[in-house]
């Protein structure tokens, strides 16, 4: 039985109808599962946090290749099904948490190194990345199935940078592993997807301390506050300094005074932050 037929059979047995609002588009392509597993580069001692396990097709593969899997599922019906299926298959290294990943208490889990593998609901991507990349206990890596447009924004380079791109690239090295067509899901979504991997930087390297980090992102957010305006004008308005002083900071950083925020890469932002640090309150 192929994955599409198996997915429909399980949904019928549960009297379950996928809800678009919950991002319930189930992956039905074996090749994509293999791509995700290969990208995760799992080791026998790895601990995995899976988000949105759905019907558990990826979950079983993760459990077979790692020491422990903690799967967080928002839909209570799916969480109950996963728990029953795991018990029936005698999968002993799987913990099912029923709840919202953005509100789940995972401090005990994050006390040891871990990796994230997730088929994320598209509407929580940005806040999920902020929460897990910006936290004190970051994962070693993230392998995510995302909307293709979002994945492309994350790995962007000048002149297509965005606040999301800077935010992710500040914490790790992202790369698109593979494109995934809409036909790889049931129900079929309206957009294409992509598998993306983010290798995070080790804590304490290539990062400022917490206070510096907050100030750095304040400057970046100000810079992107009005994309059509020149960066010097956004900085002047947001930091309450004169355009001339903002232009001087750009020149001191070796940047074009006429540049817009999307023209700067991460290292450009770091140099600009140093030049503006005295004006950040």
C-alpha atoms as a PDB file:
ATOM      1  CA  UNK A   1       0.000   0.000   0.000  1.00  0.00           C
ATOM      2  CA  UNK A   2       1.464   3.364  -0.994  1.00  0.00           C
ATOM      3  CA  UNK A   3       1.612   6.290   1.427  1.00  0.00           C
ATOM      4  CA  UNK A   4      -1.359   8.110  -0.085  1.00  0.00           C
ATOM      5  CA  UNK A   5      -3.609   5.083   0.292  1.00  0.00           C
ATOM      6  CA  UNK A   6      -2.280   4.416   3.799  1.00  0.00           C
ATOM      7  CA  UNK A   7      -2.807   8.060   4.815  1.00  0.00           C
ATOM      8  CA  UNK A   8      -6.415   8.045   3.594  1.00  0.00           C
ATOM      9  CA  UNK A   9      -7.063   4.711   5.282  1.00  0.00           C
ATOM     10  CA  UNK A  10      -5.809   5.974   8.651  1.00  0.00           C
ATOM     11  CA  UNK A  11      -7.816   9.186   8.343  1.00  0.00           C
ATOM     12  CA  UNK A  12     -10.983   7.187   7.567  1.00  0.00           C
ATOM     13  CA  UNK A  13     -10.404   4.881  10.521  1.00  0.00           C
ATOM     14  CA  UNK A  14     -10.059   7.892  12.809  1.00  0.00           C
ATOM     15  CA  UNK A  15     -12.934   9.759  11.139  1.00  0.00           C
ATOM     16  CA  UNK A  16     -10.345  12.476  10.711  1.00  0.00           C
ATOM     17  CA  UNK A  17     -10.499  15.327   8.222  1.00  0.00           C
ATOM     18  CA  UNK A  18      -7.277  17.345   7.782  1.00  0.00           C
ATOM     19  CA  UNK A  19      -7.629  21.011   8.735  1.00  0.00           C
ATOM     20  CA  UNK A  20      -5.848  23.621   6.624  1.00  0.00           C
ATOM     21  CA  UNK A  21      -5.775  26.051   9.585  1.00  0.00           C
ATOM     22  CA  UNK A  22      -3.576  23.554  11.462  1.00  0.00           C
ATOM     23  CA  UNK A  23      -1.263  22.981   8.492  1.00  0.00           C
ATOM     24  CA  UNK A  24      -2.420  19.369   8.167  1.00  0.00           C
ATOM     25  CA  UNK A  25      -1.038  18.501   4.745  1.00  0.00           C
ATOM     26  CA  UNK A  26       0.450  15.027   5.114  1.00  0.00           C
ATOM     27  CA  UNK A  27       3.653  14.160   3.268  1.00  0.00           C
ATOM     28  CA  UNK A  28       3.057  11.117   1.018  1.00  0.00           C
ATOM     29  CA  UNK A  29       6.356  10.916  -0.886  1.00  0.00           C
ATOM     30  CA  UNK A  30       8.823   8.255   0.289  1.00  0.00           C
ATOM     31  CA  UNK A  31      11.707  10.006  -1.463  1.00  0.00           C
ATOM     32  CA  UNK A  32      11.157  13.199   0.512  1.00  0.00           C
ATOM     33  CA  UNK A  33      11.184  11.248   3.780  1.00  0.00           C
ATOM     34  CA  UNK A  34      14.511   9.749   2.751  1.00  0.00           C
ATOM     35  CA  UNK A  35      15.830  13.216   1.901  1.00  0.00           C
ATOM     36  CA  UNK A  36      14.837  14.537   5.336  1.00  0.00           C
ATOM     37  CA  UNK A  37      16.447  11.615   7.160  1.00  0.00           C
ATOM     38  CA  UNK A  38      19.656  11.956   5.139  1.00  0.00           C
ATOM     39  CA  UNK A  39      19.808  15.706   5.805  1.00  0.00           C
ATOM     40  CA  UNK A  40      19.330  15.167   9.560  1.00  0.00           C
ATOM     41  CA  UNK A  41      22.513  13.050   9.587  1.00  0.00           C
ATOM     42  CA  UNK A  42      21.274  11.049  12.565  1.00  0.00           C
ATOM     43  CA  UNK A  43      23.566   9.243  14.975  1.00  0.00           C
ATOM     44  CA  UNK A  44      22.543   6.427  17.353  1.00  0.00           C
ATOM     45  CA  UNK A  45      22.986   8.726  20.376  1.00  0.00           C
ATOM     46  CA  UNK A  46      21.025  11.694  18.965  1.00  0.00           C
ATOM     47  CA  UNK A  47      18.003  13.174  20.687  1.00  0.00           C
ATOM     48  CA  UNK A  48      15.371  14.513  18.295  1.00  0.00           C
ATOM     49  CA  UNK A  49      12.602  17.037  18.738  1.00  0.00           C
ATOM     50  CA  UNK A  50       9.988  16.462  16.044  1.00  0.00           C
ATOM     51  CA  UNK A  51       7.310  19.083  15.485  1.00  0.00           C
ATOM     52  CA  UNK A  52       4.054  18.201  13.780  1.00  0.00           C
ATOM     53  CA  UNK A  53       4.503  14.401  13.541  1.00  0.00           C
ATOM     54  CA  UNK A  54       1.068  13.981  11.962  1.00  0.00           C
ATOM     55  CA  UNK A  55       0.481  10.277  11.242  1.00  0.00           C
ATOM     56  CA  UNK A  56       3.968   9.288  12.360  1.00  0.00           C
ATOM     57  CA  UNK A  57       5.576   8.179   9.084  1.00  0.00           C
ATOM     58  CA  UNK A  58       8.645  10.308   9.743  1.00  0.00           C
ATOM     59  CA  UNK A  59       8.468   9.677  13.492  1.00  0.00           C
ATOM     60  CA  UNK A  60       9.029   5.947  13.083  1.00  0.00           C
ATOM     61  CA  UNK A  61      12.066   6.569  10.878  1.00  0.00           C
ATOM     62  CA  UNK A  62      13.523   9.022  13.400  1.00  0.00           C
ATOM     63  CA  UNK A  63      12.979   6.625  16.317  1.00  0.00           C
ATOM     64  CA  UNK A  64      14.717   3.813  14.425  1.00  0.00           C
ATOM     65  CA  UNK A  65      17.815   5.945  13.824  1.00  0.00           C
ATOM     66  CA  UNK A  66      18.234   7.804  17.149  1.00  0.00           C
ATOM     67  CA  UNK A  67      18.312   7.390  20.909  1.00  0.00           C
ATOM     68  CA  UNK A  68      15.209   9.406  21.738  1.00  0.00           C
ATOM     69  CA  UNK A  69      12.432  11.227  19.890  1.00  0.00           C
ATOM     70  CA  UNK A  70      10.134  13.744  21.511  1.00  0.00           C
ATOM     71  CA  UNK A  71       7.254  14.545  19.167  1.00  0.00           C
ATOM     72  CA  UNK A  72       5.000  17.546  19.824  1.00  0.00           C
ATOM     73  CA  UNK A  73       1.579  17.344  18.176  1.00  0.00           C
ATOM     74  CA  UNK A  74      -1.064  20.071  18.438  1.00  0.00           C
ATOM     75  CA  UNK A  75      -4.030  17.920  17.386  1.00  0.00           C
ATOM     76  CA  UNK A  76      -5.156  15.727  20.260  1.00  0.00           C
ATOM     77  CA  UNK A  77      -6.655  13.068  17.974  1.00  0.00           C
ATOM     78  CA  UNK A  78      -3.363  12.623  16.131  1.00  0.00           C
ATOM     79  CA  UNK A  79      -1.378  12.610  19.377  1.00  0.00           C
ATOM     80  CA  UNK A  80      -3.583   9.815  20.752  1.00  0.00           C
ATOM     81  CA  UNK A  81      -3.248   7.850  17.503  1.00  0.00           C
ATOM     82  CA  UNK A  82       0.554   8.215  17.578  1.00  0.00           C
ATOM     83  CA  UNK A  83       0.748   7.041  21.182  1.00  0.00           C
ATOM     84  CA  UNK A  84      -1.401   3.983  20.421  1.00  0.00           C
ATOM     85  CA  UNK A  85       0.558   3.170  17.260  1.00  0.00           C
ATOM     86  CA  UNK A  86       3.890   3.476  19.093  1.00  0.00           C
ATOM     87  CA  UNK A  87       2.653   1.132  21.815  1.00  0.00           C
ATOM     88  CA  UNK A  88       1.437  -1.393  19.250  1.00  0.00           C
ATOM     89  CA  UNK A  89       4.771  -1.301  17.419  1.00  0.00           C
ATOM     90  CA  UNK A  90       6.690  -1.391  20.721  1.00  0.00           C
ATOM     91  CA  UNK A  91       8.586   1.831  19.995  1.00  0.00           C
ATOM     92  CA  UNK A  92      10.030   2.545  23.424  1.00  0.00           C
ATOM     93  CA  UNK A  93      12.191   5.606  22.681  1.00  0.00           C
ATOM     94  CA  UNK A  94       9.319   7.889  21.645  1.00  0.00           C
ATOM     95  CA  UNK A  95       7.642  10.500  23.824  1.00  0.00           C
ATOM     96  CA  UNK A  96       4.447  12.139  22.542  1.00  0.00           C
ATOM     97  CA  UNK A  97       3.595  15.601  23.861  1.00  0.00           C
ATOM     98  CA  UNK A  98       0.095  16.844  23.135  1.00  0.00           C
ATOM     99  CA  UNK A  99       0.154  20.618  22.744  1.00  0.00           C
ATOM    100  CA  UNK A 100       1.389  23.743  21.010  1.00  0.00           C
ATOM    101  CA  UNK A 101       5.138  23.702  20.285  1.00  0.00           C
ATOM    102  CA  UNK A 102       5.288  27.446  20.923  1.00  0.00           C
ATOM    103  CA  UNK A 103       3.981  26.946  24.471  1.00  0.00           C
ATOM    104  CA  UNK A 104       5.385  23.544  25.370  1.00  0.00           C
ATOM    105  CA  UNK A 105       7.711  23.343  28.373  1.00  0.00           C
ATOM    106  CA  UNK A 106      10.808  21.677  26.940  1.00  0.00           C
ATOM    107  CA  UNK A 107      13.441  22.930  29.363  1.00  0.00           C
ATOM    108  CA  UNK A 108      14.225  19.444  30.669  1.00  0.00           C
ATOM    109  CA  UNK A 109      14.493  18.087  27.138  1.00  0.00           C
ATOM    110  CA  UNK A 110      16.773  20.923  26.043  1.00  0.00           C
ATOM    111  CA  UNK A 111      19.151  20.329  28.944  1.00  0.00           C
ATOM    112  CA  UNK A 112      21.120  17.968  26.671  1.00  0.00           C
ATOM    113  CA  UNK A 113      22.159  18.412  23.016  1.00  0.00           C
ATOM    114  CA  UNK A 114      19.335  17.832  20.540  1.00  0.00           C
ATOM    115  CA  UNK A 115      18.352  18.224  16.906  1.00  0.00           C
ATOM    116  CA  UNK A 116      15.072  19.409  15.416  1.00  0.00           C
ATOM    117  CA  UNK A 117      13.287  17.742  12.527  1.00  0.00           C
ATOM    118  CA  UNK A 118       9.957  19.272  11.612  1.00  0.00           C
ATOM    119  CA  UNK A 119       7.228  19.554   9.003  1.00  0.00           C
ATOM    120  CA  UNK A 120       6.272  22.992  10.277  1.00  0.00           C
ATOM    121  CA  UNK A 121       2.855  24.571   9.850  1.00  0.00           C
ATOM    122  CA  UNK A 122       3.768  27.479   7.587  1.00  0.00           C
ATOM    123  CA  UNK A 123       2.000  30.069   9.714  1.00  0.00           C
ATOM    124  CA  UNK A 124       4.338  29.578  12.704  1.00  0.00           C
ATOM    125  CA  UNK A 125       7.685  29.402  10.887  1.00  0.00           C
ATOM    126  CA  UNK A 126       9.064  32.821  11.823  1.00  0.00           C
ATOM    127  CA  UNK A 127       8.084  32.743  15.498  1.00  0.00           C
ATOM    128  CA  UNK A 128       9.264  29.119  15.806  1.00  0.00           C
ATOM    129  CA  UNK A 129      12.685  30.021  14.435  1.00  0.00           C
ATOM    130  CA  UNK A 130      12.982  33.035  16.752  1.00  0.00           C
ATOM    131  CA  UNK A 131      12.042  30.944  19.770  1.00  0.00           C
ATOM    132  CA  UNK A 132      14.415  28.040  19.132  1.00  0.00           C
ATOM    133  CA  UNK A 133      17.340  29.840  17.524  1.00  0.00           C
ATOM    134  CA  UNK A 134      17.271  32.779  19.914  1.00  0.00           C
ATOM    135  CA  UNK A 135      17.013  30.683  23.069  1.00  0.00           C
ATOM    136  CA  UNK A 136      19.860  29.843  25.410  1.00  0.00           C
ATOM    137  CA  UNK A 137      19.718  26.152  24.460  1.00  0.00           C
ATOM    138  CA  UNK A 138      19.703  26.002  20.698  1.00  0.00           C
ATOM    139  CA  UNK A 139      19.487  22.751  18.740  1.00  0.00           C
ATOM    140  CA  UNK A 140      22.625  21.493  17.034  1.00  0.00           C
ATOM    141  CA  UNK A 141      20.776  21.577  13.731  1.00  0.00           C
ATOM    142  CA  UNK A 142      17.312  21.961  12.261  1.00  0.00           C
ATOM    143  CA  UNK A 143      15.942  20.118   9.239  1.00  0.00           C
ATOM    144  CA  UNK A 144      12.650  21.709   8.282  1.00  0.00           C
ATOM    145  CA  UNK A 145      10.038  21.191   5.599  1.00  0.00           C
ATOM    146  CA  UNK A 146       8.917  24.729   4.802  1.00  0.00           C
ATOM    147  CA  UNK A 147       7.064  26.737   2.221  1.00  0.00           C
ATOM    148  CA  UNK A 148       9.539  27.182  -0.641  1.00  0.00           C
ATOM    149  CA  UNK A 149       9.201  30.965  -0.624  1.00  0.00           C
ATOM    150  CA  UNK A 150      10.085  31.107   3.078  1.00  0.00           C
ATOM    151  CA  UNK A 151      13.061  28.791   2.595  1.00  0.00           C
ATOM    152  CA  UNK A 152      14.354  31.017  -0.196  1.00  0.00           C
ATOM    153  CA  UNK A 153      14.000  34.088   2.026  1.00  0.00           C
ATOM    154  CA  UNK A 154      15.996  32.388   4.778  1.00  0.00           C
ATOM    155  CA  UNK A 155      18.990  31.566   2.543  1.00  0.00           C
ATOM    156  CA  UNK A 156      18.857  34.866   0.606  1.00  0.00           C
ATOM    157  CA  UNK A 157      21.923  36.984  -0.132  1.00  0.00           C
ATOM    158  CA  UNK A 158      22.173  40.686  -1.043  1.00  0.00           C
ATOM    159  CA  UNK A 159      20.326  42.387  -2.637  1.00  0.00           C
ATOM    160  CA  UNK A 160      17.454  40.153  -1.474  1.00  0.00           C
ATOM    161  CA  UNK A 161      18.142  40.097   2.267  1.00  0.00           C
ATOM    162  CA  UNK A 162      15.308  40.381   4.777  1.00  0.00           C
ATOM    163  CA  UNK A 163      14.933  40.574   8.528  1.00  0.00           C
ATOM    164  CA  UNK A 164      14.214  36.828   8.519  1.00  0.00           C
ATOM    165  CA  UNK A 165      17.395  36.081   6.546  1.00  0.00           C
ATOM    166  CA  UNK A 166      19.579  38.133   8.903  1.00  0.00           C
ATOM    167  CA  UNK A 167      17.902  36.609  11.960  1.00  0.00           C
ATOM    168  CA  UNK A 168      18.495  33.009  10.868  1.00  0.00           C
ATOM    169  CA  UNK A 169      21.977  33.566   9.423  1.00  0.00           C
ATOM    170  CA  UNK A 170      23.013  35.230  12.680  1.00  0.00           C
ATOM    171  CA  UNK A 171      22.484  31.920  14.485  1.00  0.00           C
ATOM    172  CA  UNK A 172      23.494  29.374  11.857  1.00  0.00           C
ATOM    173  CA  UNK A 173      24.251  28.385   8.276  1.00  0.00           C
ATOM    174  CA  UNK A 174      21.107  27.624   6.272  1.00  0.00           C
ATOM    175  CA  UNK A 175      20.958  25.737   2.991  1.00  0.00           C
ATOM    176  CA  UNK A 176      18.128  24.444   0.835  1.00  0.00           C
ATOM    177  CA  UNK A 177      18.531  20.681   0.528  1.00  0.00           C
ATOM    178  CA  UNK A 178      15.738  19.947  -1.964  1.00  0.00           C
ATOM    179  CA  UNK A 179      12.575  21.327  -3.483  1.00  0.00           C
ATOM    180  CA  UNK A 180       9.306  19.520  -2.730  1.00  0.00           C
ATOM    181  CA  UNK A 181       6.326  19.852  -5.109  1.00  0.00           C
ATOM    182  CA  UNK A 182       2.788  20.346  -3.871  1.00  0.00           C
ATOM    183  CA  UNK A 183       1.927  16.896  -5.269  1.00  0.00           C
ATOM    184  CA  UNK A 184       4.047  15.334  -2.498  1.00  0.00           C
ATOM    185  CA  UNK A 185       1.297  16.161   0.025  1.00  0.00           C
ATOM    186  CA  UNK A 186      -2.289  15.176   0.748  1.00  0.00           C
ATOM    187  CA  UNK A 187      -4.371  17.253   0.785  1.00  0.00           C
ATOM    188  CA  UNK A 188      -2.396  19.131  -1.850  1.00  0.00           C
ATOM    189  CA  UNK A 189      -1.358  22.629  -0.642  1.00  0.00           C
ATOM    190  CA  UNK A 190      -1.480  25.704  -2.862  1.00  0.00           C
ATOM    191  CA  UNK A 191       2.280  26.272  -2.684  1.00  0.00           C
ATOM    192  CA  UNK A 192       5.523  24.375  -3.267  1.00  0.00           C
ATOM    193  CA  UNK A 193       7.777  23.456  -0.353  1.00  0.00           C
ATOM    194  CA  UNK A 194      11.455  22.851   0.334  1.00  0.00           C
ATOM    195  CA  UNK A 195      13.628  20.930   2.783  1.00  0.00           C
ATOM    196  CA  UNK A 196      16.038  23.295   4.493  1.00  0.00           C
ATOM    197  CA  UNK A 197      18.852  22.540   6.929  1.00  0.00           C
ATOM    198  CA  UNK A 198      20.266  25.007   9.443  1.00  0.00           C
ATOM    199  CA  UNK A 199      23.540  24.128  11.168  1.00  0.00           C
ATOM    200  CA  UNK A 200      23.648  26.325  14.251  1.00  0.00           C
ATOM    201  CA  UNK A 201      26.749  28.081  15.541  1.00  0.00           C
ATOM    202  CA  UNK A 202      28.049  26.814  18.861  1.00  0.00           C
ATOM    203  CA  UNK A 203      27.039  28.933  21.837  1.00  0.00           C
ATOM    204  CA  UNK A 204      29.601  31.630  22.513  1.00  0.00           C
ATOM    205  CA  UNK A 205      31.046  31.705  18.989  1.00  0.00           C
ATOM    206  CA  UNK A 206      30.161  34.237  16.325  1.00  0.00           C
ATOM    207  CA  UNK A 207      27.627  35.722  18.757  1.00  0.00           C
ATOM    208  CA  UNK A 208      27.467  38.699  21.050  1.00  0.00           C
ATOM    209  CA  UNK A 209      26.274  38.357  24.629  1.00  0.00           C
ATOM    210  CA  UNK A 210      22.545  38.671  25.350  1.00  0.00           C
ATOM    211  CA  UNK A 211      22.535  42.458  25.789  1.00  0.00           C
ATOM    212  CA  UNK A 212      24.635  42.999  22.662  1.00  0.00           C
ATOM    213  CA  UNK A 213      22.409  40.601  20.759  1.00  0.00           C
ATOM    214  CA  UNK A 214      19.287  42.530  21.672  1.00  0.00           C
ATOM    215  CA  UNK A 215      20.880  45.814  20.649  1.00  0.00           C
ATOM    216  CA  UNK A 216      22.125  44.307  17.379  1.00  0.00           C
ATOM    217  CA  UNK A 217      18.651  43.182  16.392  1.00  0.00           C
ATOM    218  CA  UNK A 218      17.194  46.540  17.344  1.00  0.00           C
ATOM    219  CA  UNK A 219      19.445  48.141  14.730  1.00  0.00           C
ATOM    220  CA  UNK A 220      18.546  45.499  12.140  1.00  0.00           C
ATOM    221  CA  UNK A 221      14.804  45.879  12.748  1.00  0.00           C
ATOM    222  CA  UNK A 222      15.110  49.647  12.424  1.00  0.00           C
ATOM    223  CA  UNK A 223      17.037  49.173   9.199  1.00  0.00           C
ATOM    224  CA  UNK A 224      14.255  47.049   7.692  1.00  0.00           C
ATOM    225  CA  UNK A 225      11.433  49.254   9.011  1.00  0.00           C
ATOM    226  CA  UNK A 226      10.763  50.730   5.565  1.00  0.00           C
ATOM    227  CA  UNK A 227      12.291  48.623   2.776  1.00  0.00           C
ATOM    228  CA  UNK A 228      11.819  51.232   0.055  1.00  0.00           C
ATOM    229  CA  UNK A 229      13.711  53.900   1.956  1.00  0.00           C
ATOM    230  CA  UNK A 230      17.460  54.247   2.054  1.00  0.00           C
ATOM    231  CA  UNK A 231      19.007  52.657   5.103  1.00  0.00           C
ATOM    232  CA  UNK A 232      20.478  55.917   6.398  1.00  0.00           C
ATOM    233  CA  UNK A 233      16.979  57.448   6.605  1.00  0.00           C
ATOM    234  CA  UNK A 234      15.552  54.469   8.500  1.00  0.00           C
ATOM    235  CA  UNK A 235      18.486  54.544  10.926  1.00  0.00           C
ATOM    236  CA  UNK A 236      18.214  58.277  11.467  1.00  0.00           C
ATOM    237  CA  UNK A 237      14.499  58.060  12.253  1.00  0.00           C
ATOM    238  CA  UNK A 238      14.710  54.934  14.414  1.00  0.00           C
ATOM    239  CA  UNK A 239      17.811  55.867  16.393  1.00  0.00           C
ATOM    240  CA  UNK A 240      16.932  59.581  16.560  1.00  0.00           C
ATOM    241  CA  UNK A 241      20.185  60.708  14.978  1.00  0.00           C
ATOM    242  CA  UNK A 242      20.808  62.973  12.015  1.00  0.00           C
ATOM    243  CA  UNK A 243      20.915  61.515   8.480  1.00  0.00           C
ATOM    244  CA  UNK A 244      24.484  62.813   8.246  1.00  0.00           C
ATOM    245  CA  UNK A 245      25.527  60.791  11.301  1.00  0.00           C
ATOM    246  CA  UNK A 246      23.802  57.692   9.903  1.00  0.00           C
ATOM    247  CA  UNK A 247      25.569  58.205   6.576  1.00  0.00           C
ATOM    248  CA  UNK A 248      28.880  58.586   8.380  1.00  0.00           C
ATOM    249  CA  UNK A 249      28.310  55.255  10.156  1.00  0.00           C
ATOM    250  CA  UNK A 250      27.689  53.559   6.808  1.00  0.00           C
ATOM    251  CA  UNK A 251      30.856  55.037   5.316  1.00  0.00           C
ATOM    252  CA  UNK A 252      32.865  54.078   8.412  1.00  0.00           C
ATOM    253  CA  UNK A 253      31.634  50.503   7.903  1.00  0.00           C
ATOM    254  CA  UNK A 254      32.768  50.520   4.297  1.00  0.00           C
ATOM    255  CA  UNK A 255      29.189  50.545   2.999  1.00  0.00           C
ATOM    256  CA  UNK A 256      27.458  52.545   0.294  1.00  0.00           C
ATOM    257  CA  UNK A 257      25.692  55.564   1.877  1.00  0.00           C
ATOM    258  CA  UNK A 258      22.860  55.011  -0.611  1.00  0.00           C
ATOM    259  CA  UNK A 259      22.367  51.375   0.407  1.00  0.00           C
ATOM    260  CA  UNK A 260      19.038  49.868   1.433  1.00  0.00           C
ATOM    261  CA  UNK A 261      18.683  47.274   4.181  1.00  0.00           C
ATOM    262  CA  UNK A 262      18.330  44.376   1.727  1.00  0.00           C
ATOM    263  CA  UNK A 263      21.770  45.191   0.266  1.00  0.00           C
ATOM    264  CA  UNK A 264      23.646  44.255   3.456  1.00  0.00           C
ATOM    265  CA  UNK A 265      24.810  40.780   4.415  1.00  0.00           C
ATOM    266  CA  UNK A 266      25.259  39.611   8.008  1.00  0.00           C
ATOM    267  CA  UNK A 267      28.863  40.794   8.292  1.00  0.00           C
ATOM    268  CA  UNK A 268      27.864  44.218   6.959  1.00  0.00           C
ATOM    269  CA  UNK A 269      25.267  44.467   9.712  1.00  0.00           C
ATOM    270  CA  UNK A 270      27.858  43.509  12.316  1.00  0.00           C
ATOM    271  CA  UNK A 271      30.214  46.275  11.149  1.00  0.00           C
ATOM    272  CA  UNK A 272      27.372  48.785  11.024  1.00  0.00           C
ATOM    273  CA  UNK A 273      26.256  47.845  14.521  1.00  0.00           C
ATOM    274  CA  UNK A 274      29.745  48.551  15.877  1.00  0.00           C
ATOM    275  CA  UNK A 275      29.663  51.972  14.227  1.00  0.00           C
ATOM    276  CA  UNK A 276      26.220  52.747  15.717  1.00  0.00           C
ATOM    277  CA  UNK A 277      26.549  51.062  19.107  1.00  0.00           C
ATOM    278  CA  UNK A 278      26.842  54.348  21.022  1.00  0.00           C
ATOM    279  CA  UNK A 279      23.446  55.485  19.687  1.00  0.00           C
ATOM    280  CA  UNK A 280      21.499  52.332  20.556  1.00  0.00           C
ATOM    281  CA  UNK A 281      19.512  52.818  23.742  1.00  0.00           C
END
